[in-house]
Amino acid sequence: VRLAVACLLARGHLLFEDQPGVGKTILSQALAHALGLHFRRVQFTSDLLPADILGASILDRDSGTFVFHRGPVFAQVLLADEINRATPKTQSALLEAMEEGRVTSDGSTHALPEPFFVIATQNPSTQTGTYMLPESQLDRFLMRLGLGAPDRDAERALLQGQDRREMLKTMPAALSVA
């Protein structure tokens, strides 16, 4: 948690490399909620396109002009879940936004919100259907972390306690964006 907060404060991006089901999504949601930041989650799949993340210009019939519809990348905290399940072209679209802090579509540039923090998760390369991020793209992440499995006592507390998603709904934000 401390390292994730440090990464956000340093204006970097975070890559979690770990097994499914260890709490990466809940940690991402809790971090955004505690800091009063707008959160979005994108499930990366093999059929995801760059426009599904960045947004696209769509014809407005009434005005006869194209209007840019912002994609989920326009959040302060974006969880790119299982980033290595998407094709390299889709991965590159997100990584470009991370590097530039803006999105360009049809010749128009759109600034991303401040702060803009990407938390990406990556499954082990041994799993079928993954496209590993090349070294040249891994440098977009300030930190690469793993959560690991909880110990016995922590796992027992998780099973006996309240649902973490329900706890998030009642947790007050510790900070505001201002």
N, C-alpha and C. Protein backbone atom coordinates (compact mmCIF):
# COMPACT_ATOMS: atom_id res chain seq x y z
N VAL A 1 0.84 -1.18 0.00
CA VAL A 1 0.00 0.00 0.00
C VAL A 1 0.88 1.25 0.00
N ARG A 2 1.90 1.25 0.85
CA ARG A 2 2.80 2.41 0.91
C ARG A 2 3.50 2.63 -0.42
N LEU A 3 3.96 1.57 -1.03
CA LEU A 3 4.64 1.71 -2.32
C LEU A 3 3.69 2.19 -3.41
N ALA A 4 2.44 1.74 -3.39
CA ALA A 4 1.46 2.20 -4.37
C ALA A 4 1.18 3.69 -4.20
N VAL A 5 1.05 4.15 -2.97
CA VAL A 5 0.84 5.57 -2.71
C VAL A 5 2.08 6.37 -3.14
N ALA A 6 3.25 5.87 -2.82
CA ALA A 6 4.50 6.55 -3.22
C ALA A 6 4.58 6.66 -4.74
N CYS A 7 4.18 5.63 -5.44
CA CYS A 7 4.22 5.63 -6.90
C CYS A 7 3.28 6.70 -7.44
N LEU A 8 2.09 6.81 -6.89
CA LEU A 8 1.13 7.82 -7.32
C LEU A 8 1.68 9.22 -7.04
N LEU A 9 2.21 9.45 -5.84
CA LEU A 9 2.74 10.76 -5.48
C LEU A 9 3.94 11.15 -6.34
N ALA A 10 4.69 10.17 -6.80
CA ALA A 10 5.85 10.42 -7.66
C ALA A 10 5.43 10.61 -9.12
N ARG A 11 4.12 10.57 -9.39
CA ARG A 11 3.55 10.72 -10.73
C ARG A 11 4.01 9.62 -11.69
N GLY A 12 4.18 8.42 -11.13
CA GLY A 12 4.54 7.27 -11.94
C GLY A 12 3.32 6.40 -12.19
N HIS A 13 3.56 5.23 -12.72
CA HIS A 13 2.51 4.23 -12.95
C HIS A 13 2.98 2.92 -12.35
N LEU A 14 2.02 2.06 -12.00
CA LEU A 14 2.30 0.85 -11.24
C LEU A 14 1.88 -0.39 -12.01
N LEU A 15 2.74 -1.40 -12.01
CA LEU A 15 2.44 -2.68 -12.64
C LEU A 15 2.47 -3.76 -11.57
N PHE A 16 1.34 -4.43 -11.39
CA PHE A 16 1.27 -5.58 -10.49
C PHE A 16 1.46 -6.85 -11.30
N GLU A 17 2.42 -7.64 -10.94
CA GLU A 17 2.64 -8.94 -11.57
C GLU A 17 2.36 -9.99 -10.51
N ASP A 18 1.23 -10.65 -10.63
CA ASP A 18 0.86 -11.61 -9.60
C ASP A 18 -0.24 -12.52 -10.11
N GLN A 19 -0.53 -13.52 -9.32
CA GLN A 19 -1.59 -14.47 -9.63
C GLN A 19 -2.95 -13.79 -9.49
N PRO A 20 -3.96 -14.26 -10.23
CA PRO A 20 -5.31 -13.73 -10.05
C PRO A 20 -5.82 -14.03 -8.63
N GLY A 21 -6.62 -13.10 -8.11
CA GLY A 21 -7.31 -13.33 -6.85
C GLY A 21 -6.55 -12.95 -5.59
N VAL A 22 -5.52 -12.11 -5.70
CA VAL A 22 -4.78 -11.74 -4.49
C VAL A 22 -5.11 -10.33 -4.00
N GLY A 23 -6.06 -9.64 -4.65
CA GLY A 23 -6.51 -8.35 -4.14
C GLY A 23 -6.02 -7.13 -4.89
N LYS A 24 -5.53 -7.31 -6.10
CA LYS A 24 -5.01 -6.17 -6.86
C LYS A 24 -6.12 -5.17 -7.20
N THR A 25 -7.28 -5.66 -7.59
CA THR A 25 -8.39 -4.77 -7.95
C THR A 25 -8.90 -4.02 -6.73
N ILE A 26 -9.08 -4.70 -5.63
CA ILE A 26 -9.57 -4.05 -4.41
C ILE A 26 -8.57 -3.00 -3.93
N LEU A 27 -7.29 -3.29 -3.99
CA LEU A 27 -6.28 -2.31 -3.60
C LEU A 27 -6.37 -1.08 -4.49
N SER A 28 -6.54 -1.27 -5.77
CA SER A 28 -6.65 -0.15 -6.71
C SER A 28 -7.88 0.70 -6.41
N GLN A 29 -9.01 0.05 -6.18
CA GLN A 29 -10.24 0.78 -5.86
C GLN A 29 -10.12 1.51 -4.53
N ALA A 30 -9.54 0.86 -3.55
CA ALA A 30 -9.40 1.48 -2.23
C ALA A 30 -8.47 2.70 -2.29
N LEU A 31 -7.41 2.60 -3.04
CA LEU A 31 -6.48 3.71 -3.19
C LEU A 31 -7.19 4.92 -3.81
N ALA A 32 -7.91 4.69 -4.89
CA ALA A 32 -8.62 5.78 -5.56
C ALA A 32 -9.68 6.37 -4.63
N HIS A 33 -10.42 5.52 -3.95
CA HIS A 33 -11.49 5.99 -3.07
C HIS A 33 -10.92 6.78 -1.89
N ALA A 34 -9.86 6.28 -1.28
CA ALA A 34 -9.27 6.96 -0.12
C ALA A 34 -8.73 8.34 -0.48
N LEU A 35 -8.29 8.49 -1.74
CA LEU A 35 -7.72 9.76 -2.16
C LEU A 35 -8.72 10.64 -2.90
N GLY A 36 -9.98 10.19 -2.96
CA GLY A 36 -11.03 10.98 -3.60
C GLY A 36 -10.85 11.14 -5.10
N LEU A 37 -10.29 10.12 -5.75
CA LEU A 37 -10.00 10.19 -7.18
C LEU A 37 -11.00 9.37 -7.99
N HIS A 38 -11.27 9.83 -9.21
CA HIS A 38 -12.18 9.13 -10.12
C HIS A 38 -11.51 7.85 -10.62
N PHE A 39 -12.17 6.71 -10.46
CA PHE A 39 -11.62 5.39 -10.78
C PHE A 39 -12.38 4.75 -11.92
N ARG A 40 -11.66 4.13 -12.83
CA ARG A 40 -12.25 3.32 -13.90
C ARG A 40 -11.43 2.05 -14.04
N ARG A 41 -12.09 0.99 -14.45
CA ARG A 41 -11.43 -0.30 -14.67
C ARG A 41 -11.72 -0.77 -16.08
N VAL A 42 -10.68 -1.24 -16.77
CA VAL A 42 -10.84 -1.82 -18.10
C VAL A 42 -10.29 -3.23 -18.05
N GLN A 43 -11.12 -4.19 -18.44
CA GLN A 43 -10.69 -5.58 -18.53
C GLN A 43 -10.07 -5.78 -19.91
N PHE A 44 -8.78 -6.00 -19.94
CA PHE A 44 -8.10 -6.18 -21.22
C PHE A 44 -8.34 -7.60 -21.73
N THR A 45 -8.77 -7.69 -22.97
CA THR A 45 -9.04 -8.96 -23.63
C THR A 45 -8.43 -8.92 -25.03
N SER A 46 -8.38 -10.05 -25.67
CA SER A 46 -7.74 -10.12 -26.99
C SER A 46 -8.50 -9.33 -28.05
N ASP A 47 -9.78 -9.05 -27.84
CA ASP A 47 -10.55 -8.31 -28.84
C ASP A 47 -10.71 -6.82 -28.50
N LEU A 48 -10.05 -6.35 -27.45
CA LEU A 48 -10.10 -4.94 -27.07
C LEU A 48 -9.33 -4.11 -28.09
N LEU A 49 -9.91 -2.98 -28.50
CA LEU A 49 -9.27 -2.10 -29.48
C LEU A 49 -8.79 -0.83 -28.80
N PRO A 50 -7.81 -0.14 -29.39
CA PRO A 50 -7.34 1.11 -28.80
C PRO A 50 -8.47 2.11 -28.54
N ALA A 51 -9.43 2.22 -29.45
CA ALA A 51 -10.54 3.16 -29.27
C ALA A 51 -11.41 2.80 -28.07
N ASP A 52 -11.43 1.53 -27.69
CA ASP A 52 -12.20 1.11 -26.51
C ASP A 52 -11.63 1.69 -25.24
N ILE A 53 -10.37 2.07 -25.26
CA ILE A 53 -9.70 2.64 -24.09
C ILE A 53 -9.62 4.15 -24.20
N LEU A 54 -9.19 4.62 -25.36
CA LEU A 54 -8.92 6.04 -25.54
C LEU A 54 -10.16 6.86 -25.84
N GLY A 55 -11.09 6.29 -26.57
CA GLY A 55 -12.27 7.01 -27.02
C GLY A 55 -12.24 7.10 -28.53
N ALA A 56 -13.29 7.66 -29.09
CA ALA A 56 -13.40 7.73 -30.55
C ALA A 56 -14.28 8.91 -30.94
N SER A 57 -14.05 9.39 -32.16
CA SER A 57 -14.89 10.44 -32.72
C SER A 57 -16.07 9.79 -33.42
N ILE A 58 -17.26 10.26 -33.07
CA ILE A 58 -18.49 9.69 -33.61
C ILE A 58 -19.31 10.81 -34.24
N LEU A 59 -19.89 10.52 -35.38
CA LEU A 59 -20.67 11.52 -36.11
C LEU A 59 -21.94 11.87 -35.33
N ASP A 60 -22.11 13.16 -35.11
CA ASP A 60 -23.35 13.67 -34.50
C ASP A 60 -24.26 14.06 -35.66
N ARG A 61 -25.34 13.33 -35.82
CA ARG A 61 -26.24 13.55 -36.96
C ARG A 61 -26.84 14.95 -36.97
N ASP A 62 -27.15 15.46 -35.79
CA ASP A 62 -27.80 16.77 -35.72
C ASP A 62 -26.89 17.88 -36.22
N SER A 63 -25.63 17.87 -35.79
CA SER A 63 -24.72 18.94 -36.18
C SER A 63 -23.93 18.62 -37.44
N GLY A 64 -23.85 17.34 -37.80
CA GLY A 64 -23.09 16.94 -38.97
C GLY A 64 -21.59 16.96 -38.75
N THR A 65 -21.19 17.02 -37.49
CA THR A 65 -19.76 17.03 -37.16
C THR A 65 -19.42 15.82 -36.30
N PHE A 66 -18.12 15.54 -36.26
CA PHE A 66 -17.66 14.46 -35.41
C PHE A 66 -17.40 14.99 -34.01
N VAL A 67 -17.85 14.23 -33.02
CA VAL A 67 -17.69 14.60 -31.62
C VAL A 67 -16.87 13.51 -30.93
N PHE A 68 -15.84 13.94 -30.21
CA PHE A 68 -14.99 12.98 -29.52
C PHE A 68 -15.69 12.51 -28.24
N HIS A 69 -15.83 11.19 -28.11
CA HIS A 69 -16.38 10.57 -26.91
C HIS A 69 -15.23 9.95 -26.14
N ARG A 70 -14.99 10.48 -24.96
CA ARG A 70 -13.84 10.04 -24.15
C ARG A 70 -14.00 8.60 -23.68
N GLY A 71 -12.90 7.88 -23.71
CA GLY A 71 -12.89 6.51 -23.24
C GLY A 71 -12.53 6.45 -21.76
N PRO A 72 -12.45 5.27 -21.21
CA PRO A 72 -12.17 5.11 -19.78
C PRO A 72 -10.79 5.61 -19.35
N VAL A 73 -9.88 5.86 -20.30
CA VAL A 73 -8.56 6.37 -19.94
C VAL A 73 -8.67 7.75 -19.29
N PHE A 74 -9.78 8.43 -19.46
CA PHE A 74 -9.97 9.76 -18.89
C PHE A 74 -10.46 9.66 -17.44
N ALA A 75 -9.76 8.92 -16.66
CA ALA A 75 -10.00 8.78 -15.22
C ALA A 75 -8.71 9.16 -14.52
N GLN A 76 -8.81 9.48 -13.25
CA GLN A 76 -7.59 9.80 -12.51
C GLN A 76 -6.83 8.54 -12.13
N VAL A 77 -7.56 7.48 -11.82
CA VAL A 77 -6.94 6.19 -11.55
C VAL A 77 -7.58 5.18 -12.51
N LEU A 78 -6.76 4.60 -13.36
CA LEU A 78 -7.24 3.62 -14.32
C LEU A 78 -6.62 2.27 -14.00
N LEU A 79 -7.46 1.28 -13.77
CA LEU A 79 -6.98 -0.08 -13.59
C LEU A 79 -7.05 -0.79 -14.93
N ALA A 80 -5.88 -1.10 -15.49
CA ALA A 80 -5.77 -1.85 -16.74
C ALA A 80 -5.59 -3.31 -16.34
N ASP A 81 -6.71 -4.00 -16.18
CA ASP A 81 -6.70 -5.35 -15.63
C ASP A 81 -6.29 -6.36 -16.70
N GLU A 82 -5.26 -7.13 -16.36
CA GLU A 82 -4.71 -8.16 -17.24
C GLU A 82 -4.26 -7.55 -18.57
N ILE A 83 -3.43 -6.53 -18.48
CA ILE A 83 -2.98 -5.78 -19.65
C ILE A 83 -2.33 -6.69 -20.69
N ASN A 84 -1.72 -7.77 -20.26
CA ASN A 84 -1.03 -8.63 -21.22
C ASN A 84 -1.96 -9.63 -21.93
N ARG A 85 -3.27 -9.48 -21.76
CA ARG A 85 -4.21 -10.29 -22.54
C ARG A 85 -4.62 -9.56 -23.82
N ALA A 86 -4.34 -8.25 -23.89
CA ALA A 86 -4.67 -7.47 -25.09
C ALA A 86 -3.54 -7.59 -26.10
N THR A 87 -3.85 -7.27 -27.34
CA THR A 87 -2.84 -7.31 -28.39
C THR A 87 -1.81 -6.19 -28.17
N PRO A 88 -0.62 -6.35 -28.71
CA PRO A 88 0.40 -5.30 -28.56
C PRO A 88 -0.06 -3.93 -29.03
N LYS A 89 -0.90 -3.85 -30.07
CA LYS A 89 -1.38 -2.56 -30.57
C LYS A 89 -2.23 -1.84 -29.51
N THR A 90 -3.08 -2.59 -28.83
CA THR A 90 -3.91 -2.00 -27.79
C THR A 90 -3.06 -1.63 -26.58
N GLN A 91 -2.12 -2.48 -26.22
CA GLN A 91 -1.21 -2.15 -25.12
C GLN A 91 -0.48 -0.84 -25.42
N SER A 92 -0.01 -0.69 -26.64
CA SER A 92 0.75 0.50 -27.03
C SER A 92 -0.08 1.77 -26.93
N ALA A 93 -1.36 1.69 -27.25
CA ALA A 93 -2.22 2.87 -27.16
C ALA A 93 -2.28 3.38 -25.73
N LEU A 94 -2.42 2.48 -24.78
CA LEU A 94 -2.46 2.90 -23.37
C LEU A 94 -1.10 3.40 -22.93
N LEU A 95 -0.05 2.71 -23.31
CA LEU A 95 1.28 3.10 -22.88
C LEU A 95 1.68 4.46 -23.45
N GLU A 96 1.20 4.79 -24.64
CA GLU A 96 1.45 6.12 -25.20
C GLU A 96 0.75 7.19 -24.37
N ALA A 97 -0.49 6.93 -23.98
CA ALA A 97 -1.22 7.88 -23.13
C ALA A 97 -0.50 8.07 -21.79
N MET A 98 0.05 6.98 -21.26
CA MET A 98 0.78 7.06 -20.00
C MET A 98 2.01 7.95 -20.13
N GLU A 99 2.70 7.82 -21.24
CA GLU A 99 3.94 8.57 -21.45
C GLU A 99 3.66 10.04 -21.74
N GLU A 100 2.66 10.30 -22.58
CA GLU A 100 2.39 11.66 -23.05
C GLU A 100 1.45 12.45 -22.14
N GLY A 101 0.60 11.75 -21.38
CA GLY A 101 -0.38 12.46 -20.54
C GLY A 101 -1.51 13.07 -21.35
N ARG A 102 -1.66 12.60 -22.56
CA ARG A 102 -2.73 13.09 -23.42
C ARG A 102 -3.06 12.04 -24.48
N VAL A 103 -4.19 12.24 -25.15
CA VAL A 103 -4.66 11.34 -26.19
C VAL A 103 -4.90 12.17 -27.44
N THR A 104 -4.45 11.67 -28.58
CA THR A 104 -4.71 12.34 -29.84
C THR A 104 -5.64 11.47 -30.67
N SER A 105 -6.72 12.11 -31.15
CA SER A 105 -7.69 11.40 -31.98
C SER A 105 -8.12 12.33 -33.11
N ASP A 106 -7.99 11.86 -34.32
CA ASP A 106 -8.38 12.64 -35.51
C ASP A 106 -7.75 14.03 -35.51
N GLY A 107 -6.49 14.11 -35.11
CA GLY A 107 -5.76 15.37 -35.16
C GLY A 107 -6.00 16.30 -33.98
N SER A 108 -6.89 15.93 -33.08
CA SER A 108 -7.16 16.75 -31.89
C SER A 108 -6.53 16.10 -30.67
N THR A 109 -5.93 16.93 -29.83
CA THR A 109 -5.29 16.43 -28.62
C THR A 109 -6.18 16.70 -27.43
N HIS A 110 -6.30 15.70 -26.56
CA HIS A 110 -7.15 15.79 -25.37
C HIS A 110 -6.28 15.46 -24.16
N ALA A 111 -6.17 16.41 -23.23
CA ALA A 111 -5.36 16.19 -22.04
C ALA A 111 -6.03 15.20 -21.10
N LEU A 112 -5.22 14.37 -20.46
CA LEU A 112 -5.73 13.45 -19.45
C LEU A 112 -5.82 14.18 -18.12
N PRO A 113 -6.66 13.71 -17.21
CA PRO A 113 -6.83 14.41 -15.93
C PRO A 113 -5.57 14.37 -15.08
N GLU A 114 -5.52 15.28 -14.12
CA GLU A 114 -4.43 15.31 -13.15
C GLU A 114 -5.02 14.95 -11.79
N PRO A 115 -4.44 14.08 -11.03
CA PRO A 115 -3.36 13.21 -11.46
C PRO A 115 -3.90 12.13 -12.40
N PHE A 116 -2.99 11.54 -13.16
CA PHE A 116 -3.34 10.41 -14.02
C PHE A 116 -2.43 9.26 -13.61
N PHE A 117 -3.04 8.23 -13.05
CA PHE A 117 -2.30 7.12 -12.47
C PHE A 117 -2.85 5.81 -13.02
N VAL A 118 -1.99 5.05 -13.69
CA VAL A 118 -2.39 3.75 -14.23
C VAL A 118 -1.84 2.66 -13.32
N ILE A 119 -2.74 1.79 -12.93
CA ILE A 119 -2.35 0.57 -12.24
C ILE A 119 -2.70 -0.56 -13.20
N ALA A 120 -1.69 -1.25 -13.66
CA ALA A 120 -1.91 -2.35 -14.60
C ALA A 120 -1.60 -3.66 -13.88
N THR A 121 -2.35 -4.69 -14.23
CA THR A 121 -2.03 -6.02 -13.72
C THR A 121 -1.59 -6.87 -14.90
N GLN A 122 -0.67 -7.75 -14.62
CA GLN A 122 -0.13 -8.63 -15.66
C GLN A 122 -0.12 -10.05 -15.12
N ASN A 123 -0.70 -10.96 -15.88
CA ASN A 123 -0.69 -12.36 -15.49
C ASN A 123 0.65 -12.99 -15.82
N PRO A 124 0.98 -14.07 -15.15
CA PRO A 124 2.24 -14.77 -15.47
C PRO A 124 2.27 -15.17 -16.94
N SER A 125 3.45 -15.12 -17.53
CA SER A 125 3.60 -15.44 -18.96
C SER A 125 3.29 -16.89 -19.28
N THR A 126 3.22 -17.73 -18.26
CA THR A 126 2.92 -19.14 -18.48
C THR A 126 1.44 -19.37 -18.79
N GLN A 127 0.59 -18.36 -18.55
CA GLN A 127 -0.83 -18.53 -18.83
C GLN A 127 -1.09 -18.36 -20.33
N THR A 128 -2.02 -19.14 -20.84
CA THR A 128 -2.37 -19.11 -22.25
C THR A 128 -3.04 -17.80 -22.60
N GLY A 129 -2.75 -17.29 -23.81
CA GLY A 129 -3.42 -16.09 -24.30
C GLY A 129 -2.84 -14.78 -23.80
N THR A 130 -1.58 -14.79 -23.43
CA THR A 130 -0.97 -13.55 -22.95
C THR A 130 0.06 -13.04 -23.96
N TYR A 131 0.18 -11.72 -24.04
CA TYR A 131 1.19 -11.05 -24.86
C TYR A 131 2.03 -10.22 -23.89
N MET A 132 3.18 -10.70 -23.55
CA MET A 132 4.00 -10.03 -22.54
C MET A 132 4.43 -8.65 -23.02
N LEU A 133 4.48 -7.72 -22.10
CA LEU A 133 4.95 -6.38 -22.41
C LEU A 133 6.46 -6.43 -22.68
N PRO A 134 6.90 -5.84 -23.78
CA PRO A 134 8.34 -5.83 -24.05
C PRO A 134 9.05 -4.85 -23.10
N GLU A 135 10.34 -5.04 -22.95
CA GLU A 135 11.13 -4.19 -22.07
C GLU A 135 10.95 -2.71 -22.40
N SER A 136 10.84 -2.38 -23.68
CA SER A 136 10.69 -0.99 -24.08
C SER A 136 9.39 -0.37 -23.57
N GLN A 137 8.40 -1.20 -23.25
CA GLN A 137 7.14 -0.68 -22.72
C GLN A 137 7.08 -0.79 -21.20
N LEU A 138 7.85 -1.69 -20.64
CA LEU A 138 7.87 -1.82 -19.18
C LEU A 138 8.44 -0.58 -18.50
N ASP A 139 9.23 0.21 -19.25
CA ASP A 139 9.81 1.41 -18.63
C ASP A 139 8.79 2.50 -18.38
N ARG A 140 7.55 2.33 -18.84
CA ARG A 140 6.48 3.30 -18.55
C ARG A 140 6.03 3.19 -17.09
N PHE A 141 6.39 2.08 -16.46
CA PHE A 141 5.97 1.85 -15.07
C PHE A 141 7.11 2.19 -14.12
N LEU A 142 6.79 3.03 -13.14
CA LEU A 142 7.79 3.40 -12.14
C LEU A 142 8.10 2.22 -11.24
N MET A 143 7.05 1.42 -10.93
CA MET A 143 7.23 0.27 -10.03
C MET A 143 6.55 -0.96 -10.60
N ARG A 144 7.16 -2.10 -10.32
CA ARG A 144 6.58 -3.41 -10.62
C ARG A 144 6.54 -4.16 -9.30
N LEU A 145 5.33 -4.47 -8.84
CA LEU A 145 5.15 -5.08 -7.53
C LEU A 145 4.34 -6.37 -7.63
N GLY A 146 4.46 -7.18 -6.61
CA GLY A 146 3.62 -8.36 -6.43
C GLY A 146 3.05 -8.33 -5.03
N LEU A 147 1.80 -8.71 -4.88
CA LEU A 147 1.18 -8.72 -3.56
C LEU A 147 1.45 -10.02 -2.82
N GLY A 148 1.50 -11.11 -3.55
CA GLY A 148 1.68 -12.40 -2.90
C GLY A 148 0.40 -12.86 -2.24
N ALA A 149 0.36 -14.11 -1.89
CA ALA A 149 -0.81 -14.67 -1.22
C ALA A 149 -0.81 -14.25 0.25
N PRO A 150 -2.00 -14.02 0.81
CA PRO A 150 -2.05 -13.65 2.23
C PRO A 150 -1.64 -14.83 3.11
N ASP A 151 -1.11 -14.52 4.29
CA ASP A 151 -0.77 -15.61 5.22
C ASP A 151 -2.06 -16.16 5.81
N ARG A 152 -1.95 -17.23 6.60
CA ARG A 152 -3.14 -17.92 7.13
C ARG A 152 -4.06 -17.01 7.94
N ASP A 153 -3.46 -16.21 8.82
CA ASP A 153 -4.27 -15.34 9.67
C ASP A 153 -5.00 -14.29 8.84
N ALA A 154 -4.31 -13.70 7.87
CA ALA A 154 -4.94 -12.69 7.02
C ALA A 154 -6.04 -13.30 6.17
N GLU A 155 -5.80 -14.51 5.67
CA GLU A 155 -6.82 -15.18 4.86
C GLU A 155 -8.05 -15.50 5.70
N ARG A 156 -7.84 -15.95 6.92
CA ARG A 156 -8.95 -16.24 7.82
C ARG A 156 -9.75 -14.97 8.10
N ALA A 157 -9.06 -13.86 8.36
CA ALA A 157 -9.74 -12.59 8.62
C ALA A 157 -10.54 -12.13 7.40
N LEU A 158 -9.99 -12.36 6.21
CA LEU A 158 -10.72 -12.00 4.99
C LEU A 158 -12.00 -12.81 4.85
N LEU A 159 -11.91 -14.11 5.13
CA LEU A 159 -13.07 -14.98 4.99
C LEU A 159 -14.13 -14.72 6.05
N GLN A 160 -13.71 -14.34 7.24
CA GLN A 160 -14.66 -14.12 8.33
C GLN A 160 -15.18 -12.69 8.39
N GLY A 161 -14.49 -11.78 7.73
CA GLY A 161 -14.85 -10.37 7.80
C GLY A 161 -15.88 -9.97 6.78
N GLN A 162 -16.13 -8.67 6.77
CA GLN A 162 -17.09 -8.08 5.84
C GLN A 162 -16.52 -8.07 4.43
N ASP A 163 -17.39 -8.13 3.44
CA ASP A 163 -16.98 -8.06 2.04
C ASP A 163 -16.24 -6.75 1.81
N ARG A 164 -15.04 -6.82 1.25
CA ARG A 164 -14.21 -5.64 1.05
C ARG A 164 -14.85 -4.63 0.10
N ARG A 165 -15.60 -5.09 -0.87
CA ARG A 165 -16.28 -4.16 -1.78
C ARG A 165 -17.37 -3.38 -1.04
N GLU A 166 -18.04 -4.03 -0.11
CA GLU A 166 -19.04 -3.35 0.70
C GLU A 166 -18.38 -2.35 1.66
N MET A 167 -17.23 -2.70 2.19
CA MET A 167 -16.51 -1.80 3.07
C MET A 167 -16.09 -0.53 2.34
N LEU A 168 -15.73 -0.64 1.06
CA LEU A 168 -15.34 0.53 0.28
C LEU A 168 -16.46 1.54 0.16
N LYS A 169 -17.70 1.05 0.07
CA LYS A 169 -18.85 1.95 -0.09
C LYS A 169 -19.04 2.85 1.12
N THR A 170 -18.64 2.38 2.29
CA THR A 170 -18.85 3.17 3.51
C THR A 170 -17.59 3.89 3.97
N MET A 171 -16.47 3.62 3.33
CA MET A 171 -15.20 4.24 3.73
C MET A 171 -15.16 5.69 3.27
N PRO A 172 -14.92 6.62 4.18
CA PRO A 172 -14.82 8.02 3.75
C PRO A 172 -13.47 8.28 3.07
N ALA A 173 -13.46 9.23 2.15
CA ALA A 173 -12.21 9.60 1.49
C ALA A 173 -11.33 10.35 2.49
N ALA A 174 -10.06 10.02 2.53
CA ALA A 174 -9.12 10.68 3.43
C ALA A 174 -8.67 12.02 2.89
N LEU A 175 -8.71 12.19 1.57
CA LEU A 175 -8.30 13.43 0.90
C LEU A 175 -9.31 13.78 -0.19
N SER A 176 -9.22 15.00 -0.64
CA SER A 176 -9.98 15.37 -1.81
C SER A 176 -8.99 15.68 -2.93
N VAL A 177 -9.47 15.80 -4.14
CA VAL A 177 -8.59 16.09 -5.26
C VAL A 177 -7.88 17.42 -5.05
N ALA A 178 -8.60 18.39 -4.48
CA ALA A 178 -8.01 19.71 -4.24
C ALA A 178 -6.84 19.60 -3.28
